[in-house]
């Protein structure tokens, strides 16, 4: 059994492929003085012009690599910069007026001067509060009302939002590392219950850092480092999420029971043992 040290095998139907993406550069990321995050001008920070260039480059990558054709669901934090990133990277091509389907993002969202993004020929996008950035104090991490977002992102599904207004963000309390890590594990447990097998998650640096820090301790240090190092803006990392608890295991779509039509199929080593035992 020593040959198996450092290796693991799991049934495929108990695993999910997740593509973790940190949002592209927001206007607050370009600010060197972090104290300015407290200013109202950074409320629900939108992407910078450089951030949109990063979105365009990641979009080219996911299309060239084939990832965009495999993803069944895109999950996004319900903040402006993450939803802009999610729709820009994984959304459809340019929206055409008169089409009887709402766009993922309307034109000029967040003063972006960007055209509307179509919701056709792309995976559904679902907004989830549990993968938000660290909560509290910083204006850039406070969200708008869901009713406002629905006007900007008509085809994003906001049905799982906690409430219309942002009841999670507090002006005088900043979420600590332990609370954030617990929220991250809650999110991953929920993710395991989804039927989709390949999912993209567009989220934030601190959320990714705290969530991933619990993993990789039983791996080679270089693997731990690869998983847990700080994400760059608009970086994508693909991981396999393994369900050892059976929380989200579904019936396999690839396993095949064999012996159809049925017939004798006694293994040869069993026959050898029978012969040896009778000698």
Protein backbone atom coordinates (compact mmCIF):
# COMPACT_ATOMS: atom_id res chain seq x y z
CA UNK A 1 0.00 0.00 0.00
CA UNK A 2 3.02 2.33 0.21
CA UNK A 3 2.67 2.99 -3.52
CA UNK A 4 -0.62 4.79 -2.82
CA UNK A 5 0.91 7.29 -0.39
CA UNK A 6 0.26 10.83 -1.58
CA UNK A 7 -2.46 9.74 -3.98
CA UNK A 8 -6.23 9.55 -3.69
CA UNK A 9 -9.01 7.96 -5.71
CA UNK A 10 -12.64 9.09 -5.44
CA UNK A 11 -15.75 8.27 -7.44
CA UNK A 12 -16.23 10.89 -10.14
CA UNK A 13 -19.88 11.44 -9.23
CA UNK A 14 -18.76 12.61 -5.76
CA UNK A 15 -16.60 15.39 -7.23
CA UNK A 16 -17.18 18.76 -8.83
CA UNK A 17 -14.90 20.89 -10.97
CA UNK A 18 -14.90 24.47 -9.70
CA UNK A 19 -13.29 27.37 -11.49
CA UNK A 20 -12.53 30.07 -8.92
CA UNK A 21 -12.21 33.62 -10.22
CA UNK A 22 -11.30 36.78 -8.38
CA UNK A 23 -13.01 39.84 -9.83
CA UNK A 24 -11.09 42.13 -12.18
CA UNK A 25 -9.54 45.35 -10.91
CA UNK A 26 -12.04 47.63 -9.21
CA UNK A 27 -11.56 51.35 -8.80
CA UNK A 28 -10.70 50.72 -5.14
CA UNK A 29 -7.94 48.22 -6.03
CA UNK A 30 -6.07 50.99 -7.84
CA UNK A 31 -6.13 53.14 -4.68
CA UNK A 32 -2.92 52.86 -2.62
CA UNK A 33 -4.43 54.41 0.51
CA UNK A 34 -6.78 51.75 1.91
CA UNK A 35 -8.26 54.27 4.32
CA UNK A 36 -10.11 55.67 1.33
CA UNK A 37 -12.16 52.46 1.22
CA UNK A 38 -14.22 54.17 3.93
CA UNK A 39 -15.25 56.97 1.57
CA UNK A 40 -18.71 57.01 -0.05
CA UNK A 41 -17.12 57.40 -3.51
CA UNK A 42 -16.00 53.76 -3.30
CA UNK A 43 -19.46 52.44 -2.38
CA UNK A 44 -19.99 49.12 -4.22
CA UNK A 45 -16.89 49.74 -6.31
CA UNK A 46 -17.19 49.14 -10.05
CA UNK A 47 -14.50 47.92 -12.42
CA UNK A 48 -11.79 50.27 -13.63
CA UNK A 49 -10.92 50.60 -17.34
CA UNK A 50 -7.93 48.31 -16.66
CA UNK A 51 -10.30 45.85 -15.01
CA UNK A 52 -12.39 45.64 -18.17
CA UNK A 53 -9.24 44.87 -20.17
CA UNK A 54 -8.57 42.03 -17.71
CA UNK A 55 -12.13 40.78 -18.22
CA UNK A 56 -11.67 40.72 -21.99
CA UNK A 57 -8.43 38.75 -21.67
CA UNK A 58 -9.90 36.18 -19.30
CA UNK A 59 -12.89 35.79 -21.62
CA UNK A 60 -10.51 34.96 -24.48
CA UNK A 61 -8.79 32.39 -22.25
CA UNK A 62 -11.95 30.56 -21.12
CA UNK A 63 -13.14 30.38 -24.71
CA UNK A 64 -9.79 29.21 -26.13
CA UNK A 65 -9.33 26.61 -23.37
CA UNK A 66 -12.86 25.23 -23.78
CA UNK A 67 -13.86 26.04 -20.19
CA UNK A 68 -16.74 28.27 -21.27
CA UNK A 69 -18.40 25.39 -23.13
CA UNK A 70 -18.21 23.07 -20.11
CA UNK A 71 -19.46 25.33 -17.32
CA UNK A 72 -23.04 24.57 -16.29
CA UNK A 73 -23.49 27.38 -13.76
CA UNK A 74 -21.81 30.67 -12.85
CA UNK A 75 -22.09 31.78 -9.23
CA UNK A 76 -21.26 35.37 -8.39
CA UNK A 77 -21.03 37.52 -5.32
CA UNK A 78 -23.79 40.18 -5.52
CA UNK A 79 -21.47 43.16 -5.73
CA UNK A 80 -21.07 45.33 -8.78
CA UNK A 81 -17.46 44.42 -9.59
CA UNK A 82 -18.04 40.65 -9.35
CA UNK A 83 -21.22 40.72 -11.43
CA UNK A 84 -19.51 42.87 -14.07
CA UNK A 85 -16.67 40.32 -14.14
CA UNK A 86 -19.02 37.31 -14.26
CA UNK A 87 -21.13 38.67 -17.11
CA UNK A 88 -18.14 39.99 -19.04
CA UNK A 89 -16.21 36.71 -18.84
CA UNK A 90 -18.96 34.09 -19.07
CA UNK A 91 -21.89 35.95 -20.67
CA UNK A 92 -23.12 35.71 -24.24
CA UNK A 93 -22.09 37.92 -27.12
CA UNK A 94 -23.35 41.47 -27.60
CA UNK A 95 -27.01 42.01 -26.79
CA UNK A 96 -29.35 42.94 -29.65
CA UNK A 97 -32.39 45.09 -28.93
CA UNK A 98 -35.69 43.46 -29.77
CA UNK A 99 -34.63 39.97 -28.68
CA UNK A 100 -37.28 38.50 -26.39
CA UNK A 101 -34.72 37.59 -23.70
CA UNK A 102 -33.38 40.00 -21.05
CA UNK A 103 -29.66 40.86 -21.10
CA UNK A 104 -27.28 39.68 -18.41
CA UNK A 105 -26.00 43.25 -18.05
CA UNK A 106 -27.44 46.46 -19.49
CA UNK A 107 -25.27 48.94 -21.36
CA UNK A 108 -23.02 51.33 -19.41
CA UNK A 109 -23.48 49.54 -16.08
CA UNK A 110 -21.23 51.17 -13.48
CA UNK A 111 -20.25 53.99 -15.88
CA UNK A 112 -18.39 51.38 -17.90
CA UNK A 113 -19.27 52.56 -21.43
CA UNK A 114 -19.64 48.86 -22.20
CA UNK A 115 -22.41 47.49 -24.42
CA UNK A 116 -25.13 45.24 -23.02
CA UNK A 117 -24.23 41.55 -22.55
CA UNK A 118 -26.55 38.87 -23.90
CA UNK A 119 -27.90 36.01 -21.77
CA UNK A 120 -28.16 33.72 -24.80
CA UNK A 121 -25.80 30.78 -25.36
CA UNK A 122 -24.16 31.05 -21.94
CA UNK A 123 -24.62 29.33 -18.55
CA UNK A 124 -27.10 30.74 -16.01
CA UNK A 125 -25.71 33.19 -13.45
CA UNK A 126 -26.77 32.96 -9.80
CA UNK A 127 -25.97 35.60 -7.14
CA UNK A 128 -25.07 34.19 -3.70
CA UNK A 129 -24.43 36.28 -0.58
CA UNK A 130 -22.21 33.69 1.12
CA UNK A 131 -19.34 34.30 -1.32
CA UNK A 132 -19.22 38.06 -0.74
CA UNK A 133 -16.11 39.95 0.30
CA UNK A 134 -15.33 40.51 3.98
CA UNK A 135 -18.36 42.22 5.52
CA UNK A 136 -18.49 45.57 7.26
CA UNK A 137 -16.98 49.08 7.47
CA UNK A 138 -15.47 49.35 3.95
CA UNK A 139 -17.83 51.11 1.56
CA UNK A 140 -16.50 49.10 -1.39
CA UNK A 141 -17.87 45.93 0.19
CA UNK A 142 -21.39 47.22 0.76
CA UNK A 143 -23.93 46.24 -1.86
CA UNK A 144 -26.85 48.05 -3.42
CA UNK A 145 -30.44 46.90 -3.11
CA UNK A 146 -31.42 43.82 -5.09
CA UNK A 147 -34.09 45.87 -6.87
CA UNK A 148 -31.34 48.19 -8.18
CA UNK A 149 -29.24 45.23 -9.33
CA UNK A 150 -32.18 43.67 -11.16
CA UNK A 151 -32.35 46.77 -13.35
CA UNK A 152 -28.63 46.52 -14.13
CA UNK A 153 -28.40 42.72 -14.45
CA UNK A 154 -31.89 41.60 -15.58
CA UNK A 155 -31.00 37.96 -16.32
CA UNK A 156 -28.99 37.24 -13.15
CA UNK A 157 -30.92 35.12 -10.67
CA UNK A 158 -31.19 36.96 -7.33
CA UNK A 159 -33.79 34.63 -5.81
CA UNK A 160 -31.41 33.41 -3.06
CA UNK A 161 -30.49 36.90 -1.80
CA UNK A 162 -30.96 37.34 1.95
CA UNK A 163 -33.12 40.46 1.52
CA UNK A 164 -33.63 43.41 -0.80
CA UNK A 165 -31.44 45.70 1.32
CA UNK A 166 -27.96 44.84 2.53
CA UNK A 167 -28.59 43.58 6.07
CA UNK A 168 -25.23 41.77 6.32
CA UNK A 169 -22.91 44.79 6.06
CA UNK A 170 -22.40 46.74 9.31
CA UNK A 171 -20.88 50.25 9.41
CA UNK A 172 -18.89 49.62 12.61
CA UNK A 173 -18.07 45.88 12.63
CA UNK A 174 -15.61 44.16 10.30
CA UNK A 175 -15.98 40.40 9.81
CA UNK A 176 -12.95 38.53 11.23
CA UNK A 177 -10.94 35.70 9.62
CA UNK A 178 -12.66 32.92 11.59
CA UNK A 179 -16.13 34.16 10.69
CA UNK A 180 -15.16 34.46 7.06
CA UNK A 181 -13.61 30.99 6.92
CA UNK A 182 -16.78 29.53 8.46
CA UNK A 183 -18.86 31.33 5.84
CA UNK A 184 -16.59 29.90 3.15
CA UNK A 185 -17.09 26.34 4.40
CA UNK A 186 -20.85 26.93 4.53
CA UNK A 187 -20.70 28.07 0.92
CA UNK A 188 -18.72 24.99 -0.20
CA UNK A 189 -21.15 22.67 1.60
CA UNK A 190 -24.01 24.37 -0.21
CA UNK A 191 -22.09 24.08 -3.48
CA UNK A 192 -21.90 20.32 -3.01
CA UNK A 193 -25.70 20.11 -2.96
CA UNK A 194 -25.99 21.64 -6.45
CA UNK A 195 -26.75 19.26 -9.30
CA UNK A 196 -24.25 20.93 -11.64
CA UNK A 197 -20.87 19.18 -11.91
CA UNK A 198 -18.78 22.05 -13.35
CA UNK A 199 -19.25 25.50 -11.82
CA UNK A 200 -17.51 28.87 -12.02
CA UNK A 201 -17.44 31.06 -8.89
CA UNK A 202 -16.67 34.77 -9.24
CA UNK A 203 -15.78 36.18 -5.86
CA UNK A 204 -13.18 38.16 -3.85
CA UNK A 205 -9.58 37.94 -2.65
CA UNK A 206 -10.15 37.74 1.12
CA UNK A 207 -13.00 35.25 0.72
CA UNK A 208 -10.84 32.98 -1.41
CA UNK A 209 -7.84 33.27 0.92
CA UNK A 210 -9.79 32.43 4.07
CA UNK A 211 -11.84 29.65 2.47
CA UNK A 212 -8.93 27.87 0.80
CA UNK A 213 -6.63 28.13 3.84
CA UNK A 214 -8.34 25.08 5.36
CA UNK A 215 -7.24 22.87 2.46
CA UNK A 216 -4.02 21.32 1.24
CA UNK A 217 -2.44 20.52 4.61
CA UNK A 218 -2.18 16.83 3.62
CA UNK A 219 -0.56 17.65 0.26
CA UNK A 220 2.92 18.54 -0.94
CA UNK A 221 3.76 22.12 0.13
CA UNK A 222 3.87 23.27 -3.50
CA UNK A 223 0.26 22.13 -3.99
CA UNK A 224 -0.83 23.92 -0.83
CA UNK A 225 0.93 27.04 -2.09
CA UNK A 226 -0.67 26.80 -5.52
CA UNK A 227 -4.15 26.56 -4.03
CA UNK A 228 -3.84 29.09 -1.24
CA UNK A 229 -1.65 31.92 -2.50
CA UNK A 230 -3.33 35.30 -2.95
CA UNK A 231 -5.33 35.64 -6.17
CA UNK A 232 -4.48 38.34 -8.67
CA UNK A 233 -7.29 40.43 -10.12
CA UNK A 234 -9.16 38.36 -12.71
CA UNK A 235 -7.13 35.22 -11.97
CA UNK A 236 -8.79 31.85 -12.53
CA UNK A 237 -7.84 28.61 -10.77
CA UNK A 238 -9.49 25.28 -11.52
CA UNK A 239 -9.89 22.84 -8.63
CA UNK A 240 -11.69 19.60 -7.89
CA UNK A 241 -14.06 19.67 -4.92
CA UNK A 242 -14.33 16.19 -3.41
CA UNK A 243 -17.37 15.17 -1.37
CA UNK A 244 -16.21 12.64 1.23
CA UNK A 245 -19.41 13.05 3.24
CA UNK A 246 -21.88 11.99 0.51
CA UNK A 247 -23.57 15.36 1.06
CA UNK A 248 -23.88 16.07 -2.62
CA UNK A 249 -23.12 12.78 -4.35
CA UNK A 250 -25.46 12.08 -7.24
CA UNK A 251 -26.02 8.97 -9.29
CA UNK A 252 -23.17 8.38 -11.70
CA UNK A 253 -23.85 9.17 -15.34
CA UNK A 254 -20.73 7.36 -16.55
CA UNK A 255 -20.54 4.16 -14.47
CA UNK A 256 -21.85 1.04 -16.24
CA UNK A 257 -22.88 -2.09 -14.30
CA UNK A 258 -21.66 -4.63 -16.88
CA UNK A 259 -22.76 -8.26 -17.27
CA UNK A 260 -25.51 -7.27 -19.72
CA UNK A 261 -26.70 -9.77 -20.90
CA UNK A 262 -25.88 -11.63 -17.71
CA UNK A 263 -23.70 -14.73 -17.66
CA UNK A 264 -21.04 -16.47 -15.56
CA UNK A 265 -18.22 -14.04 -14.78
CA UNK A 266 -16.18 -15.62 -12.02
CA UNK A 267 -12.84 -13.74 -11.70
CA UNK A 268 -9.78 -15.76 -12.73
CA UNK A 269 -8.02 -15.15 -9.41
CA UNK A 270 -11.03 -16.58 -7.57
CA UNK A 271 -10.74 -19.70 -9.72
CA UNK A 272 -7.02 -19.93 -8.94
CA UNK A 273 -7.73 -19.70 -5.20
CA UNK A 274 -10.30 -22.48 -5.55
CA UNK A 275 -7.79 -24.69 -7.34
CA UNK A 276 -5.05 -23.94 -4.81
CA UNK A 277 -7.43 -24.63 -1.94
CA UNK A 278 -8.45 -28.00 -3.31
CA UNK A 279 -4.90 -29.18 -3.98
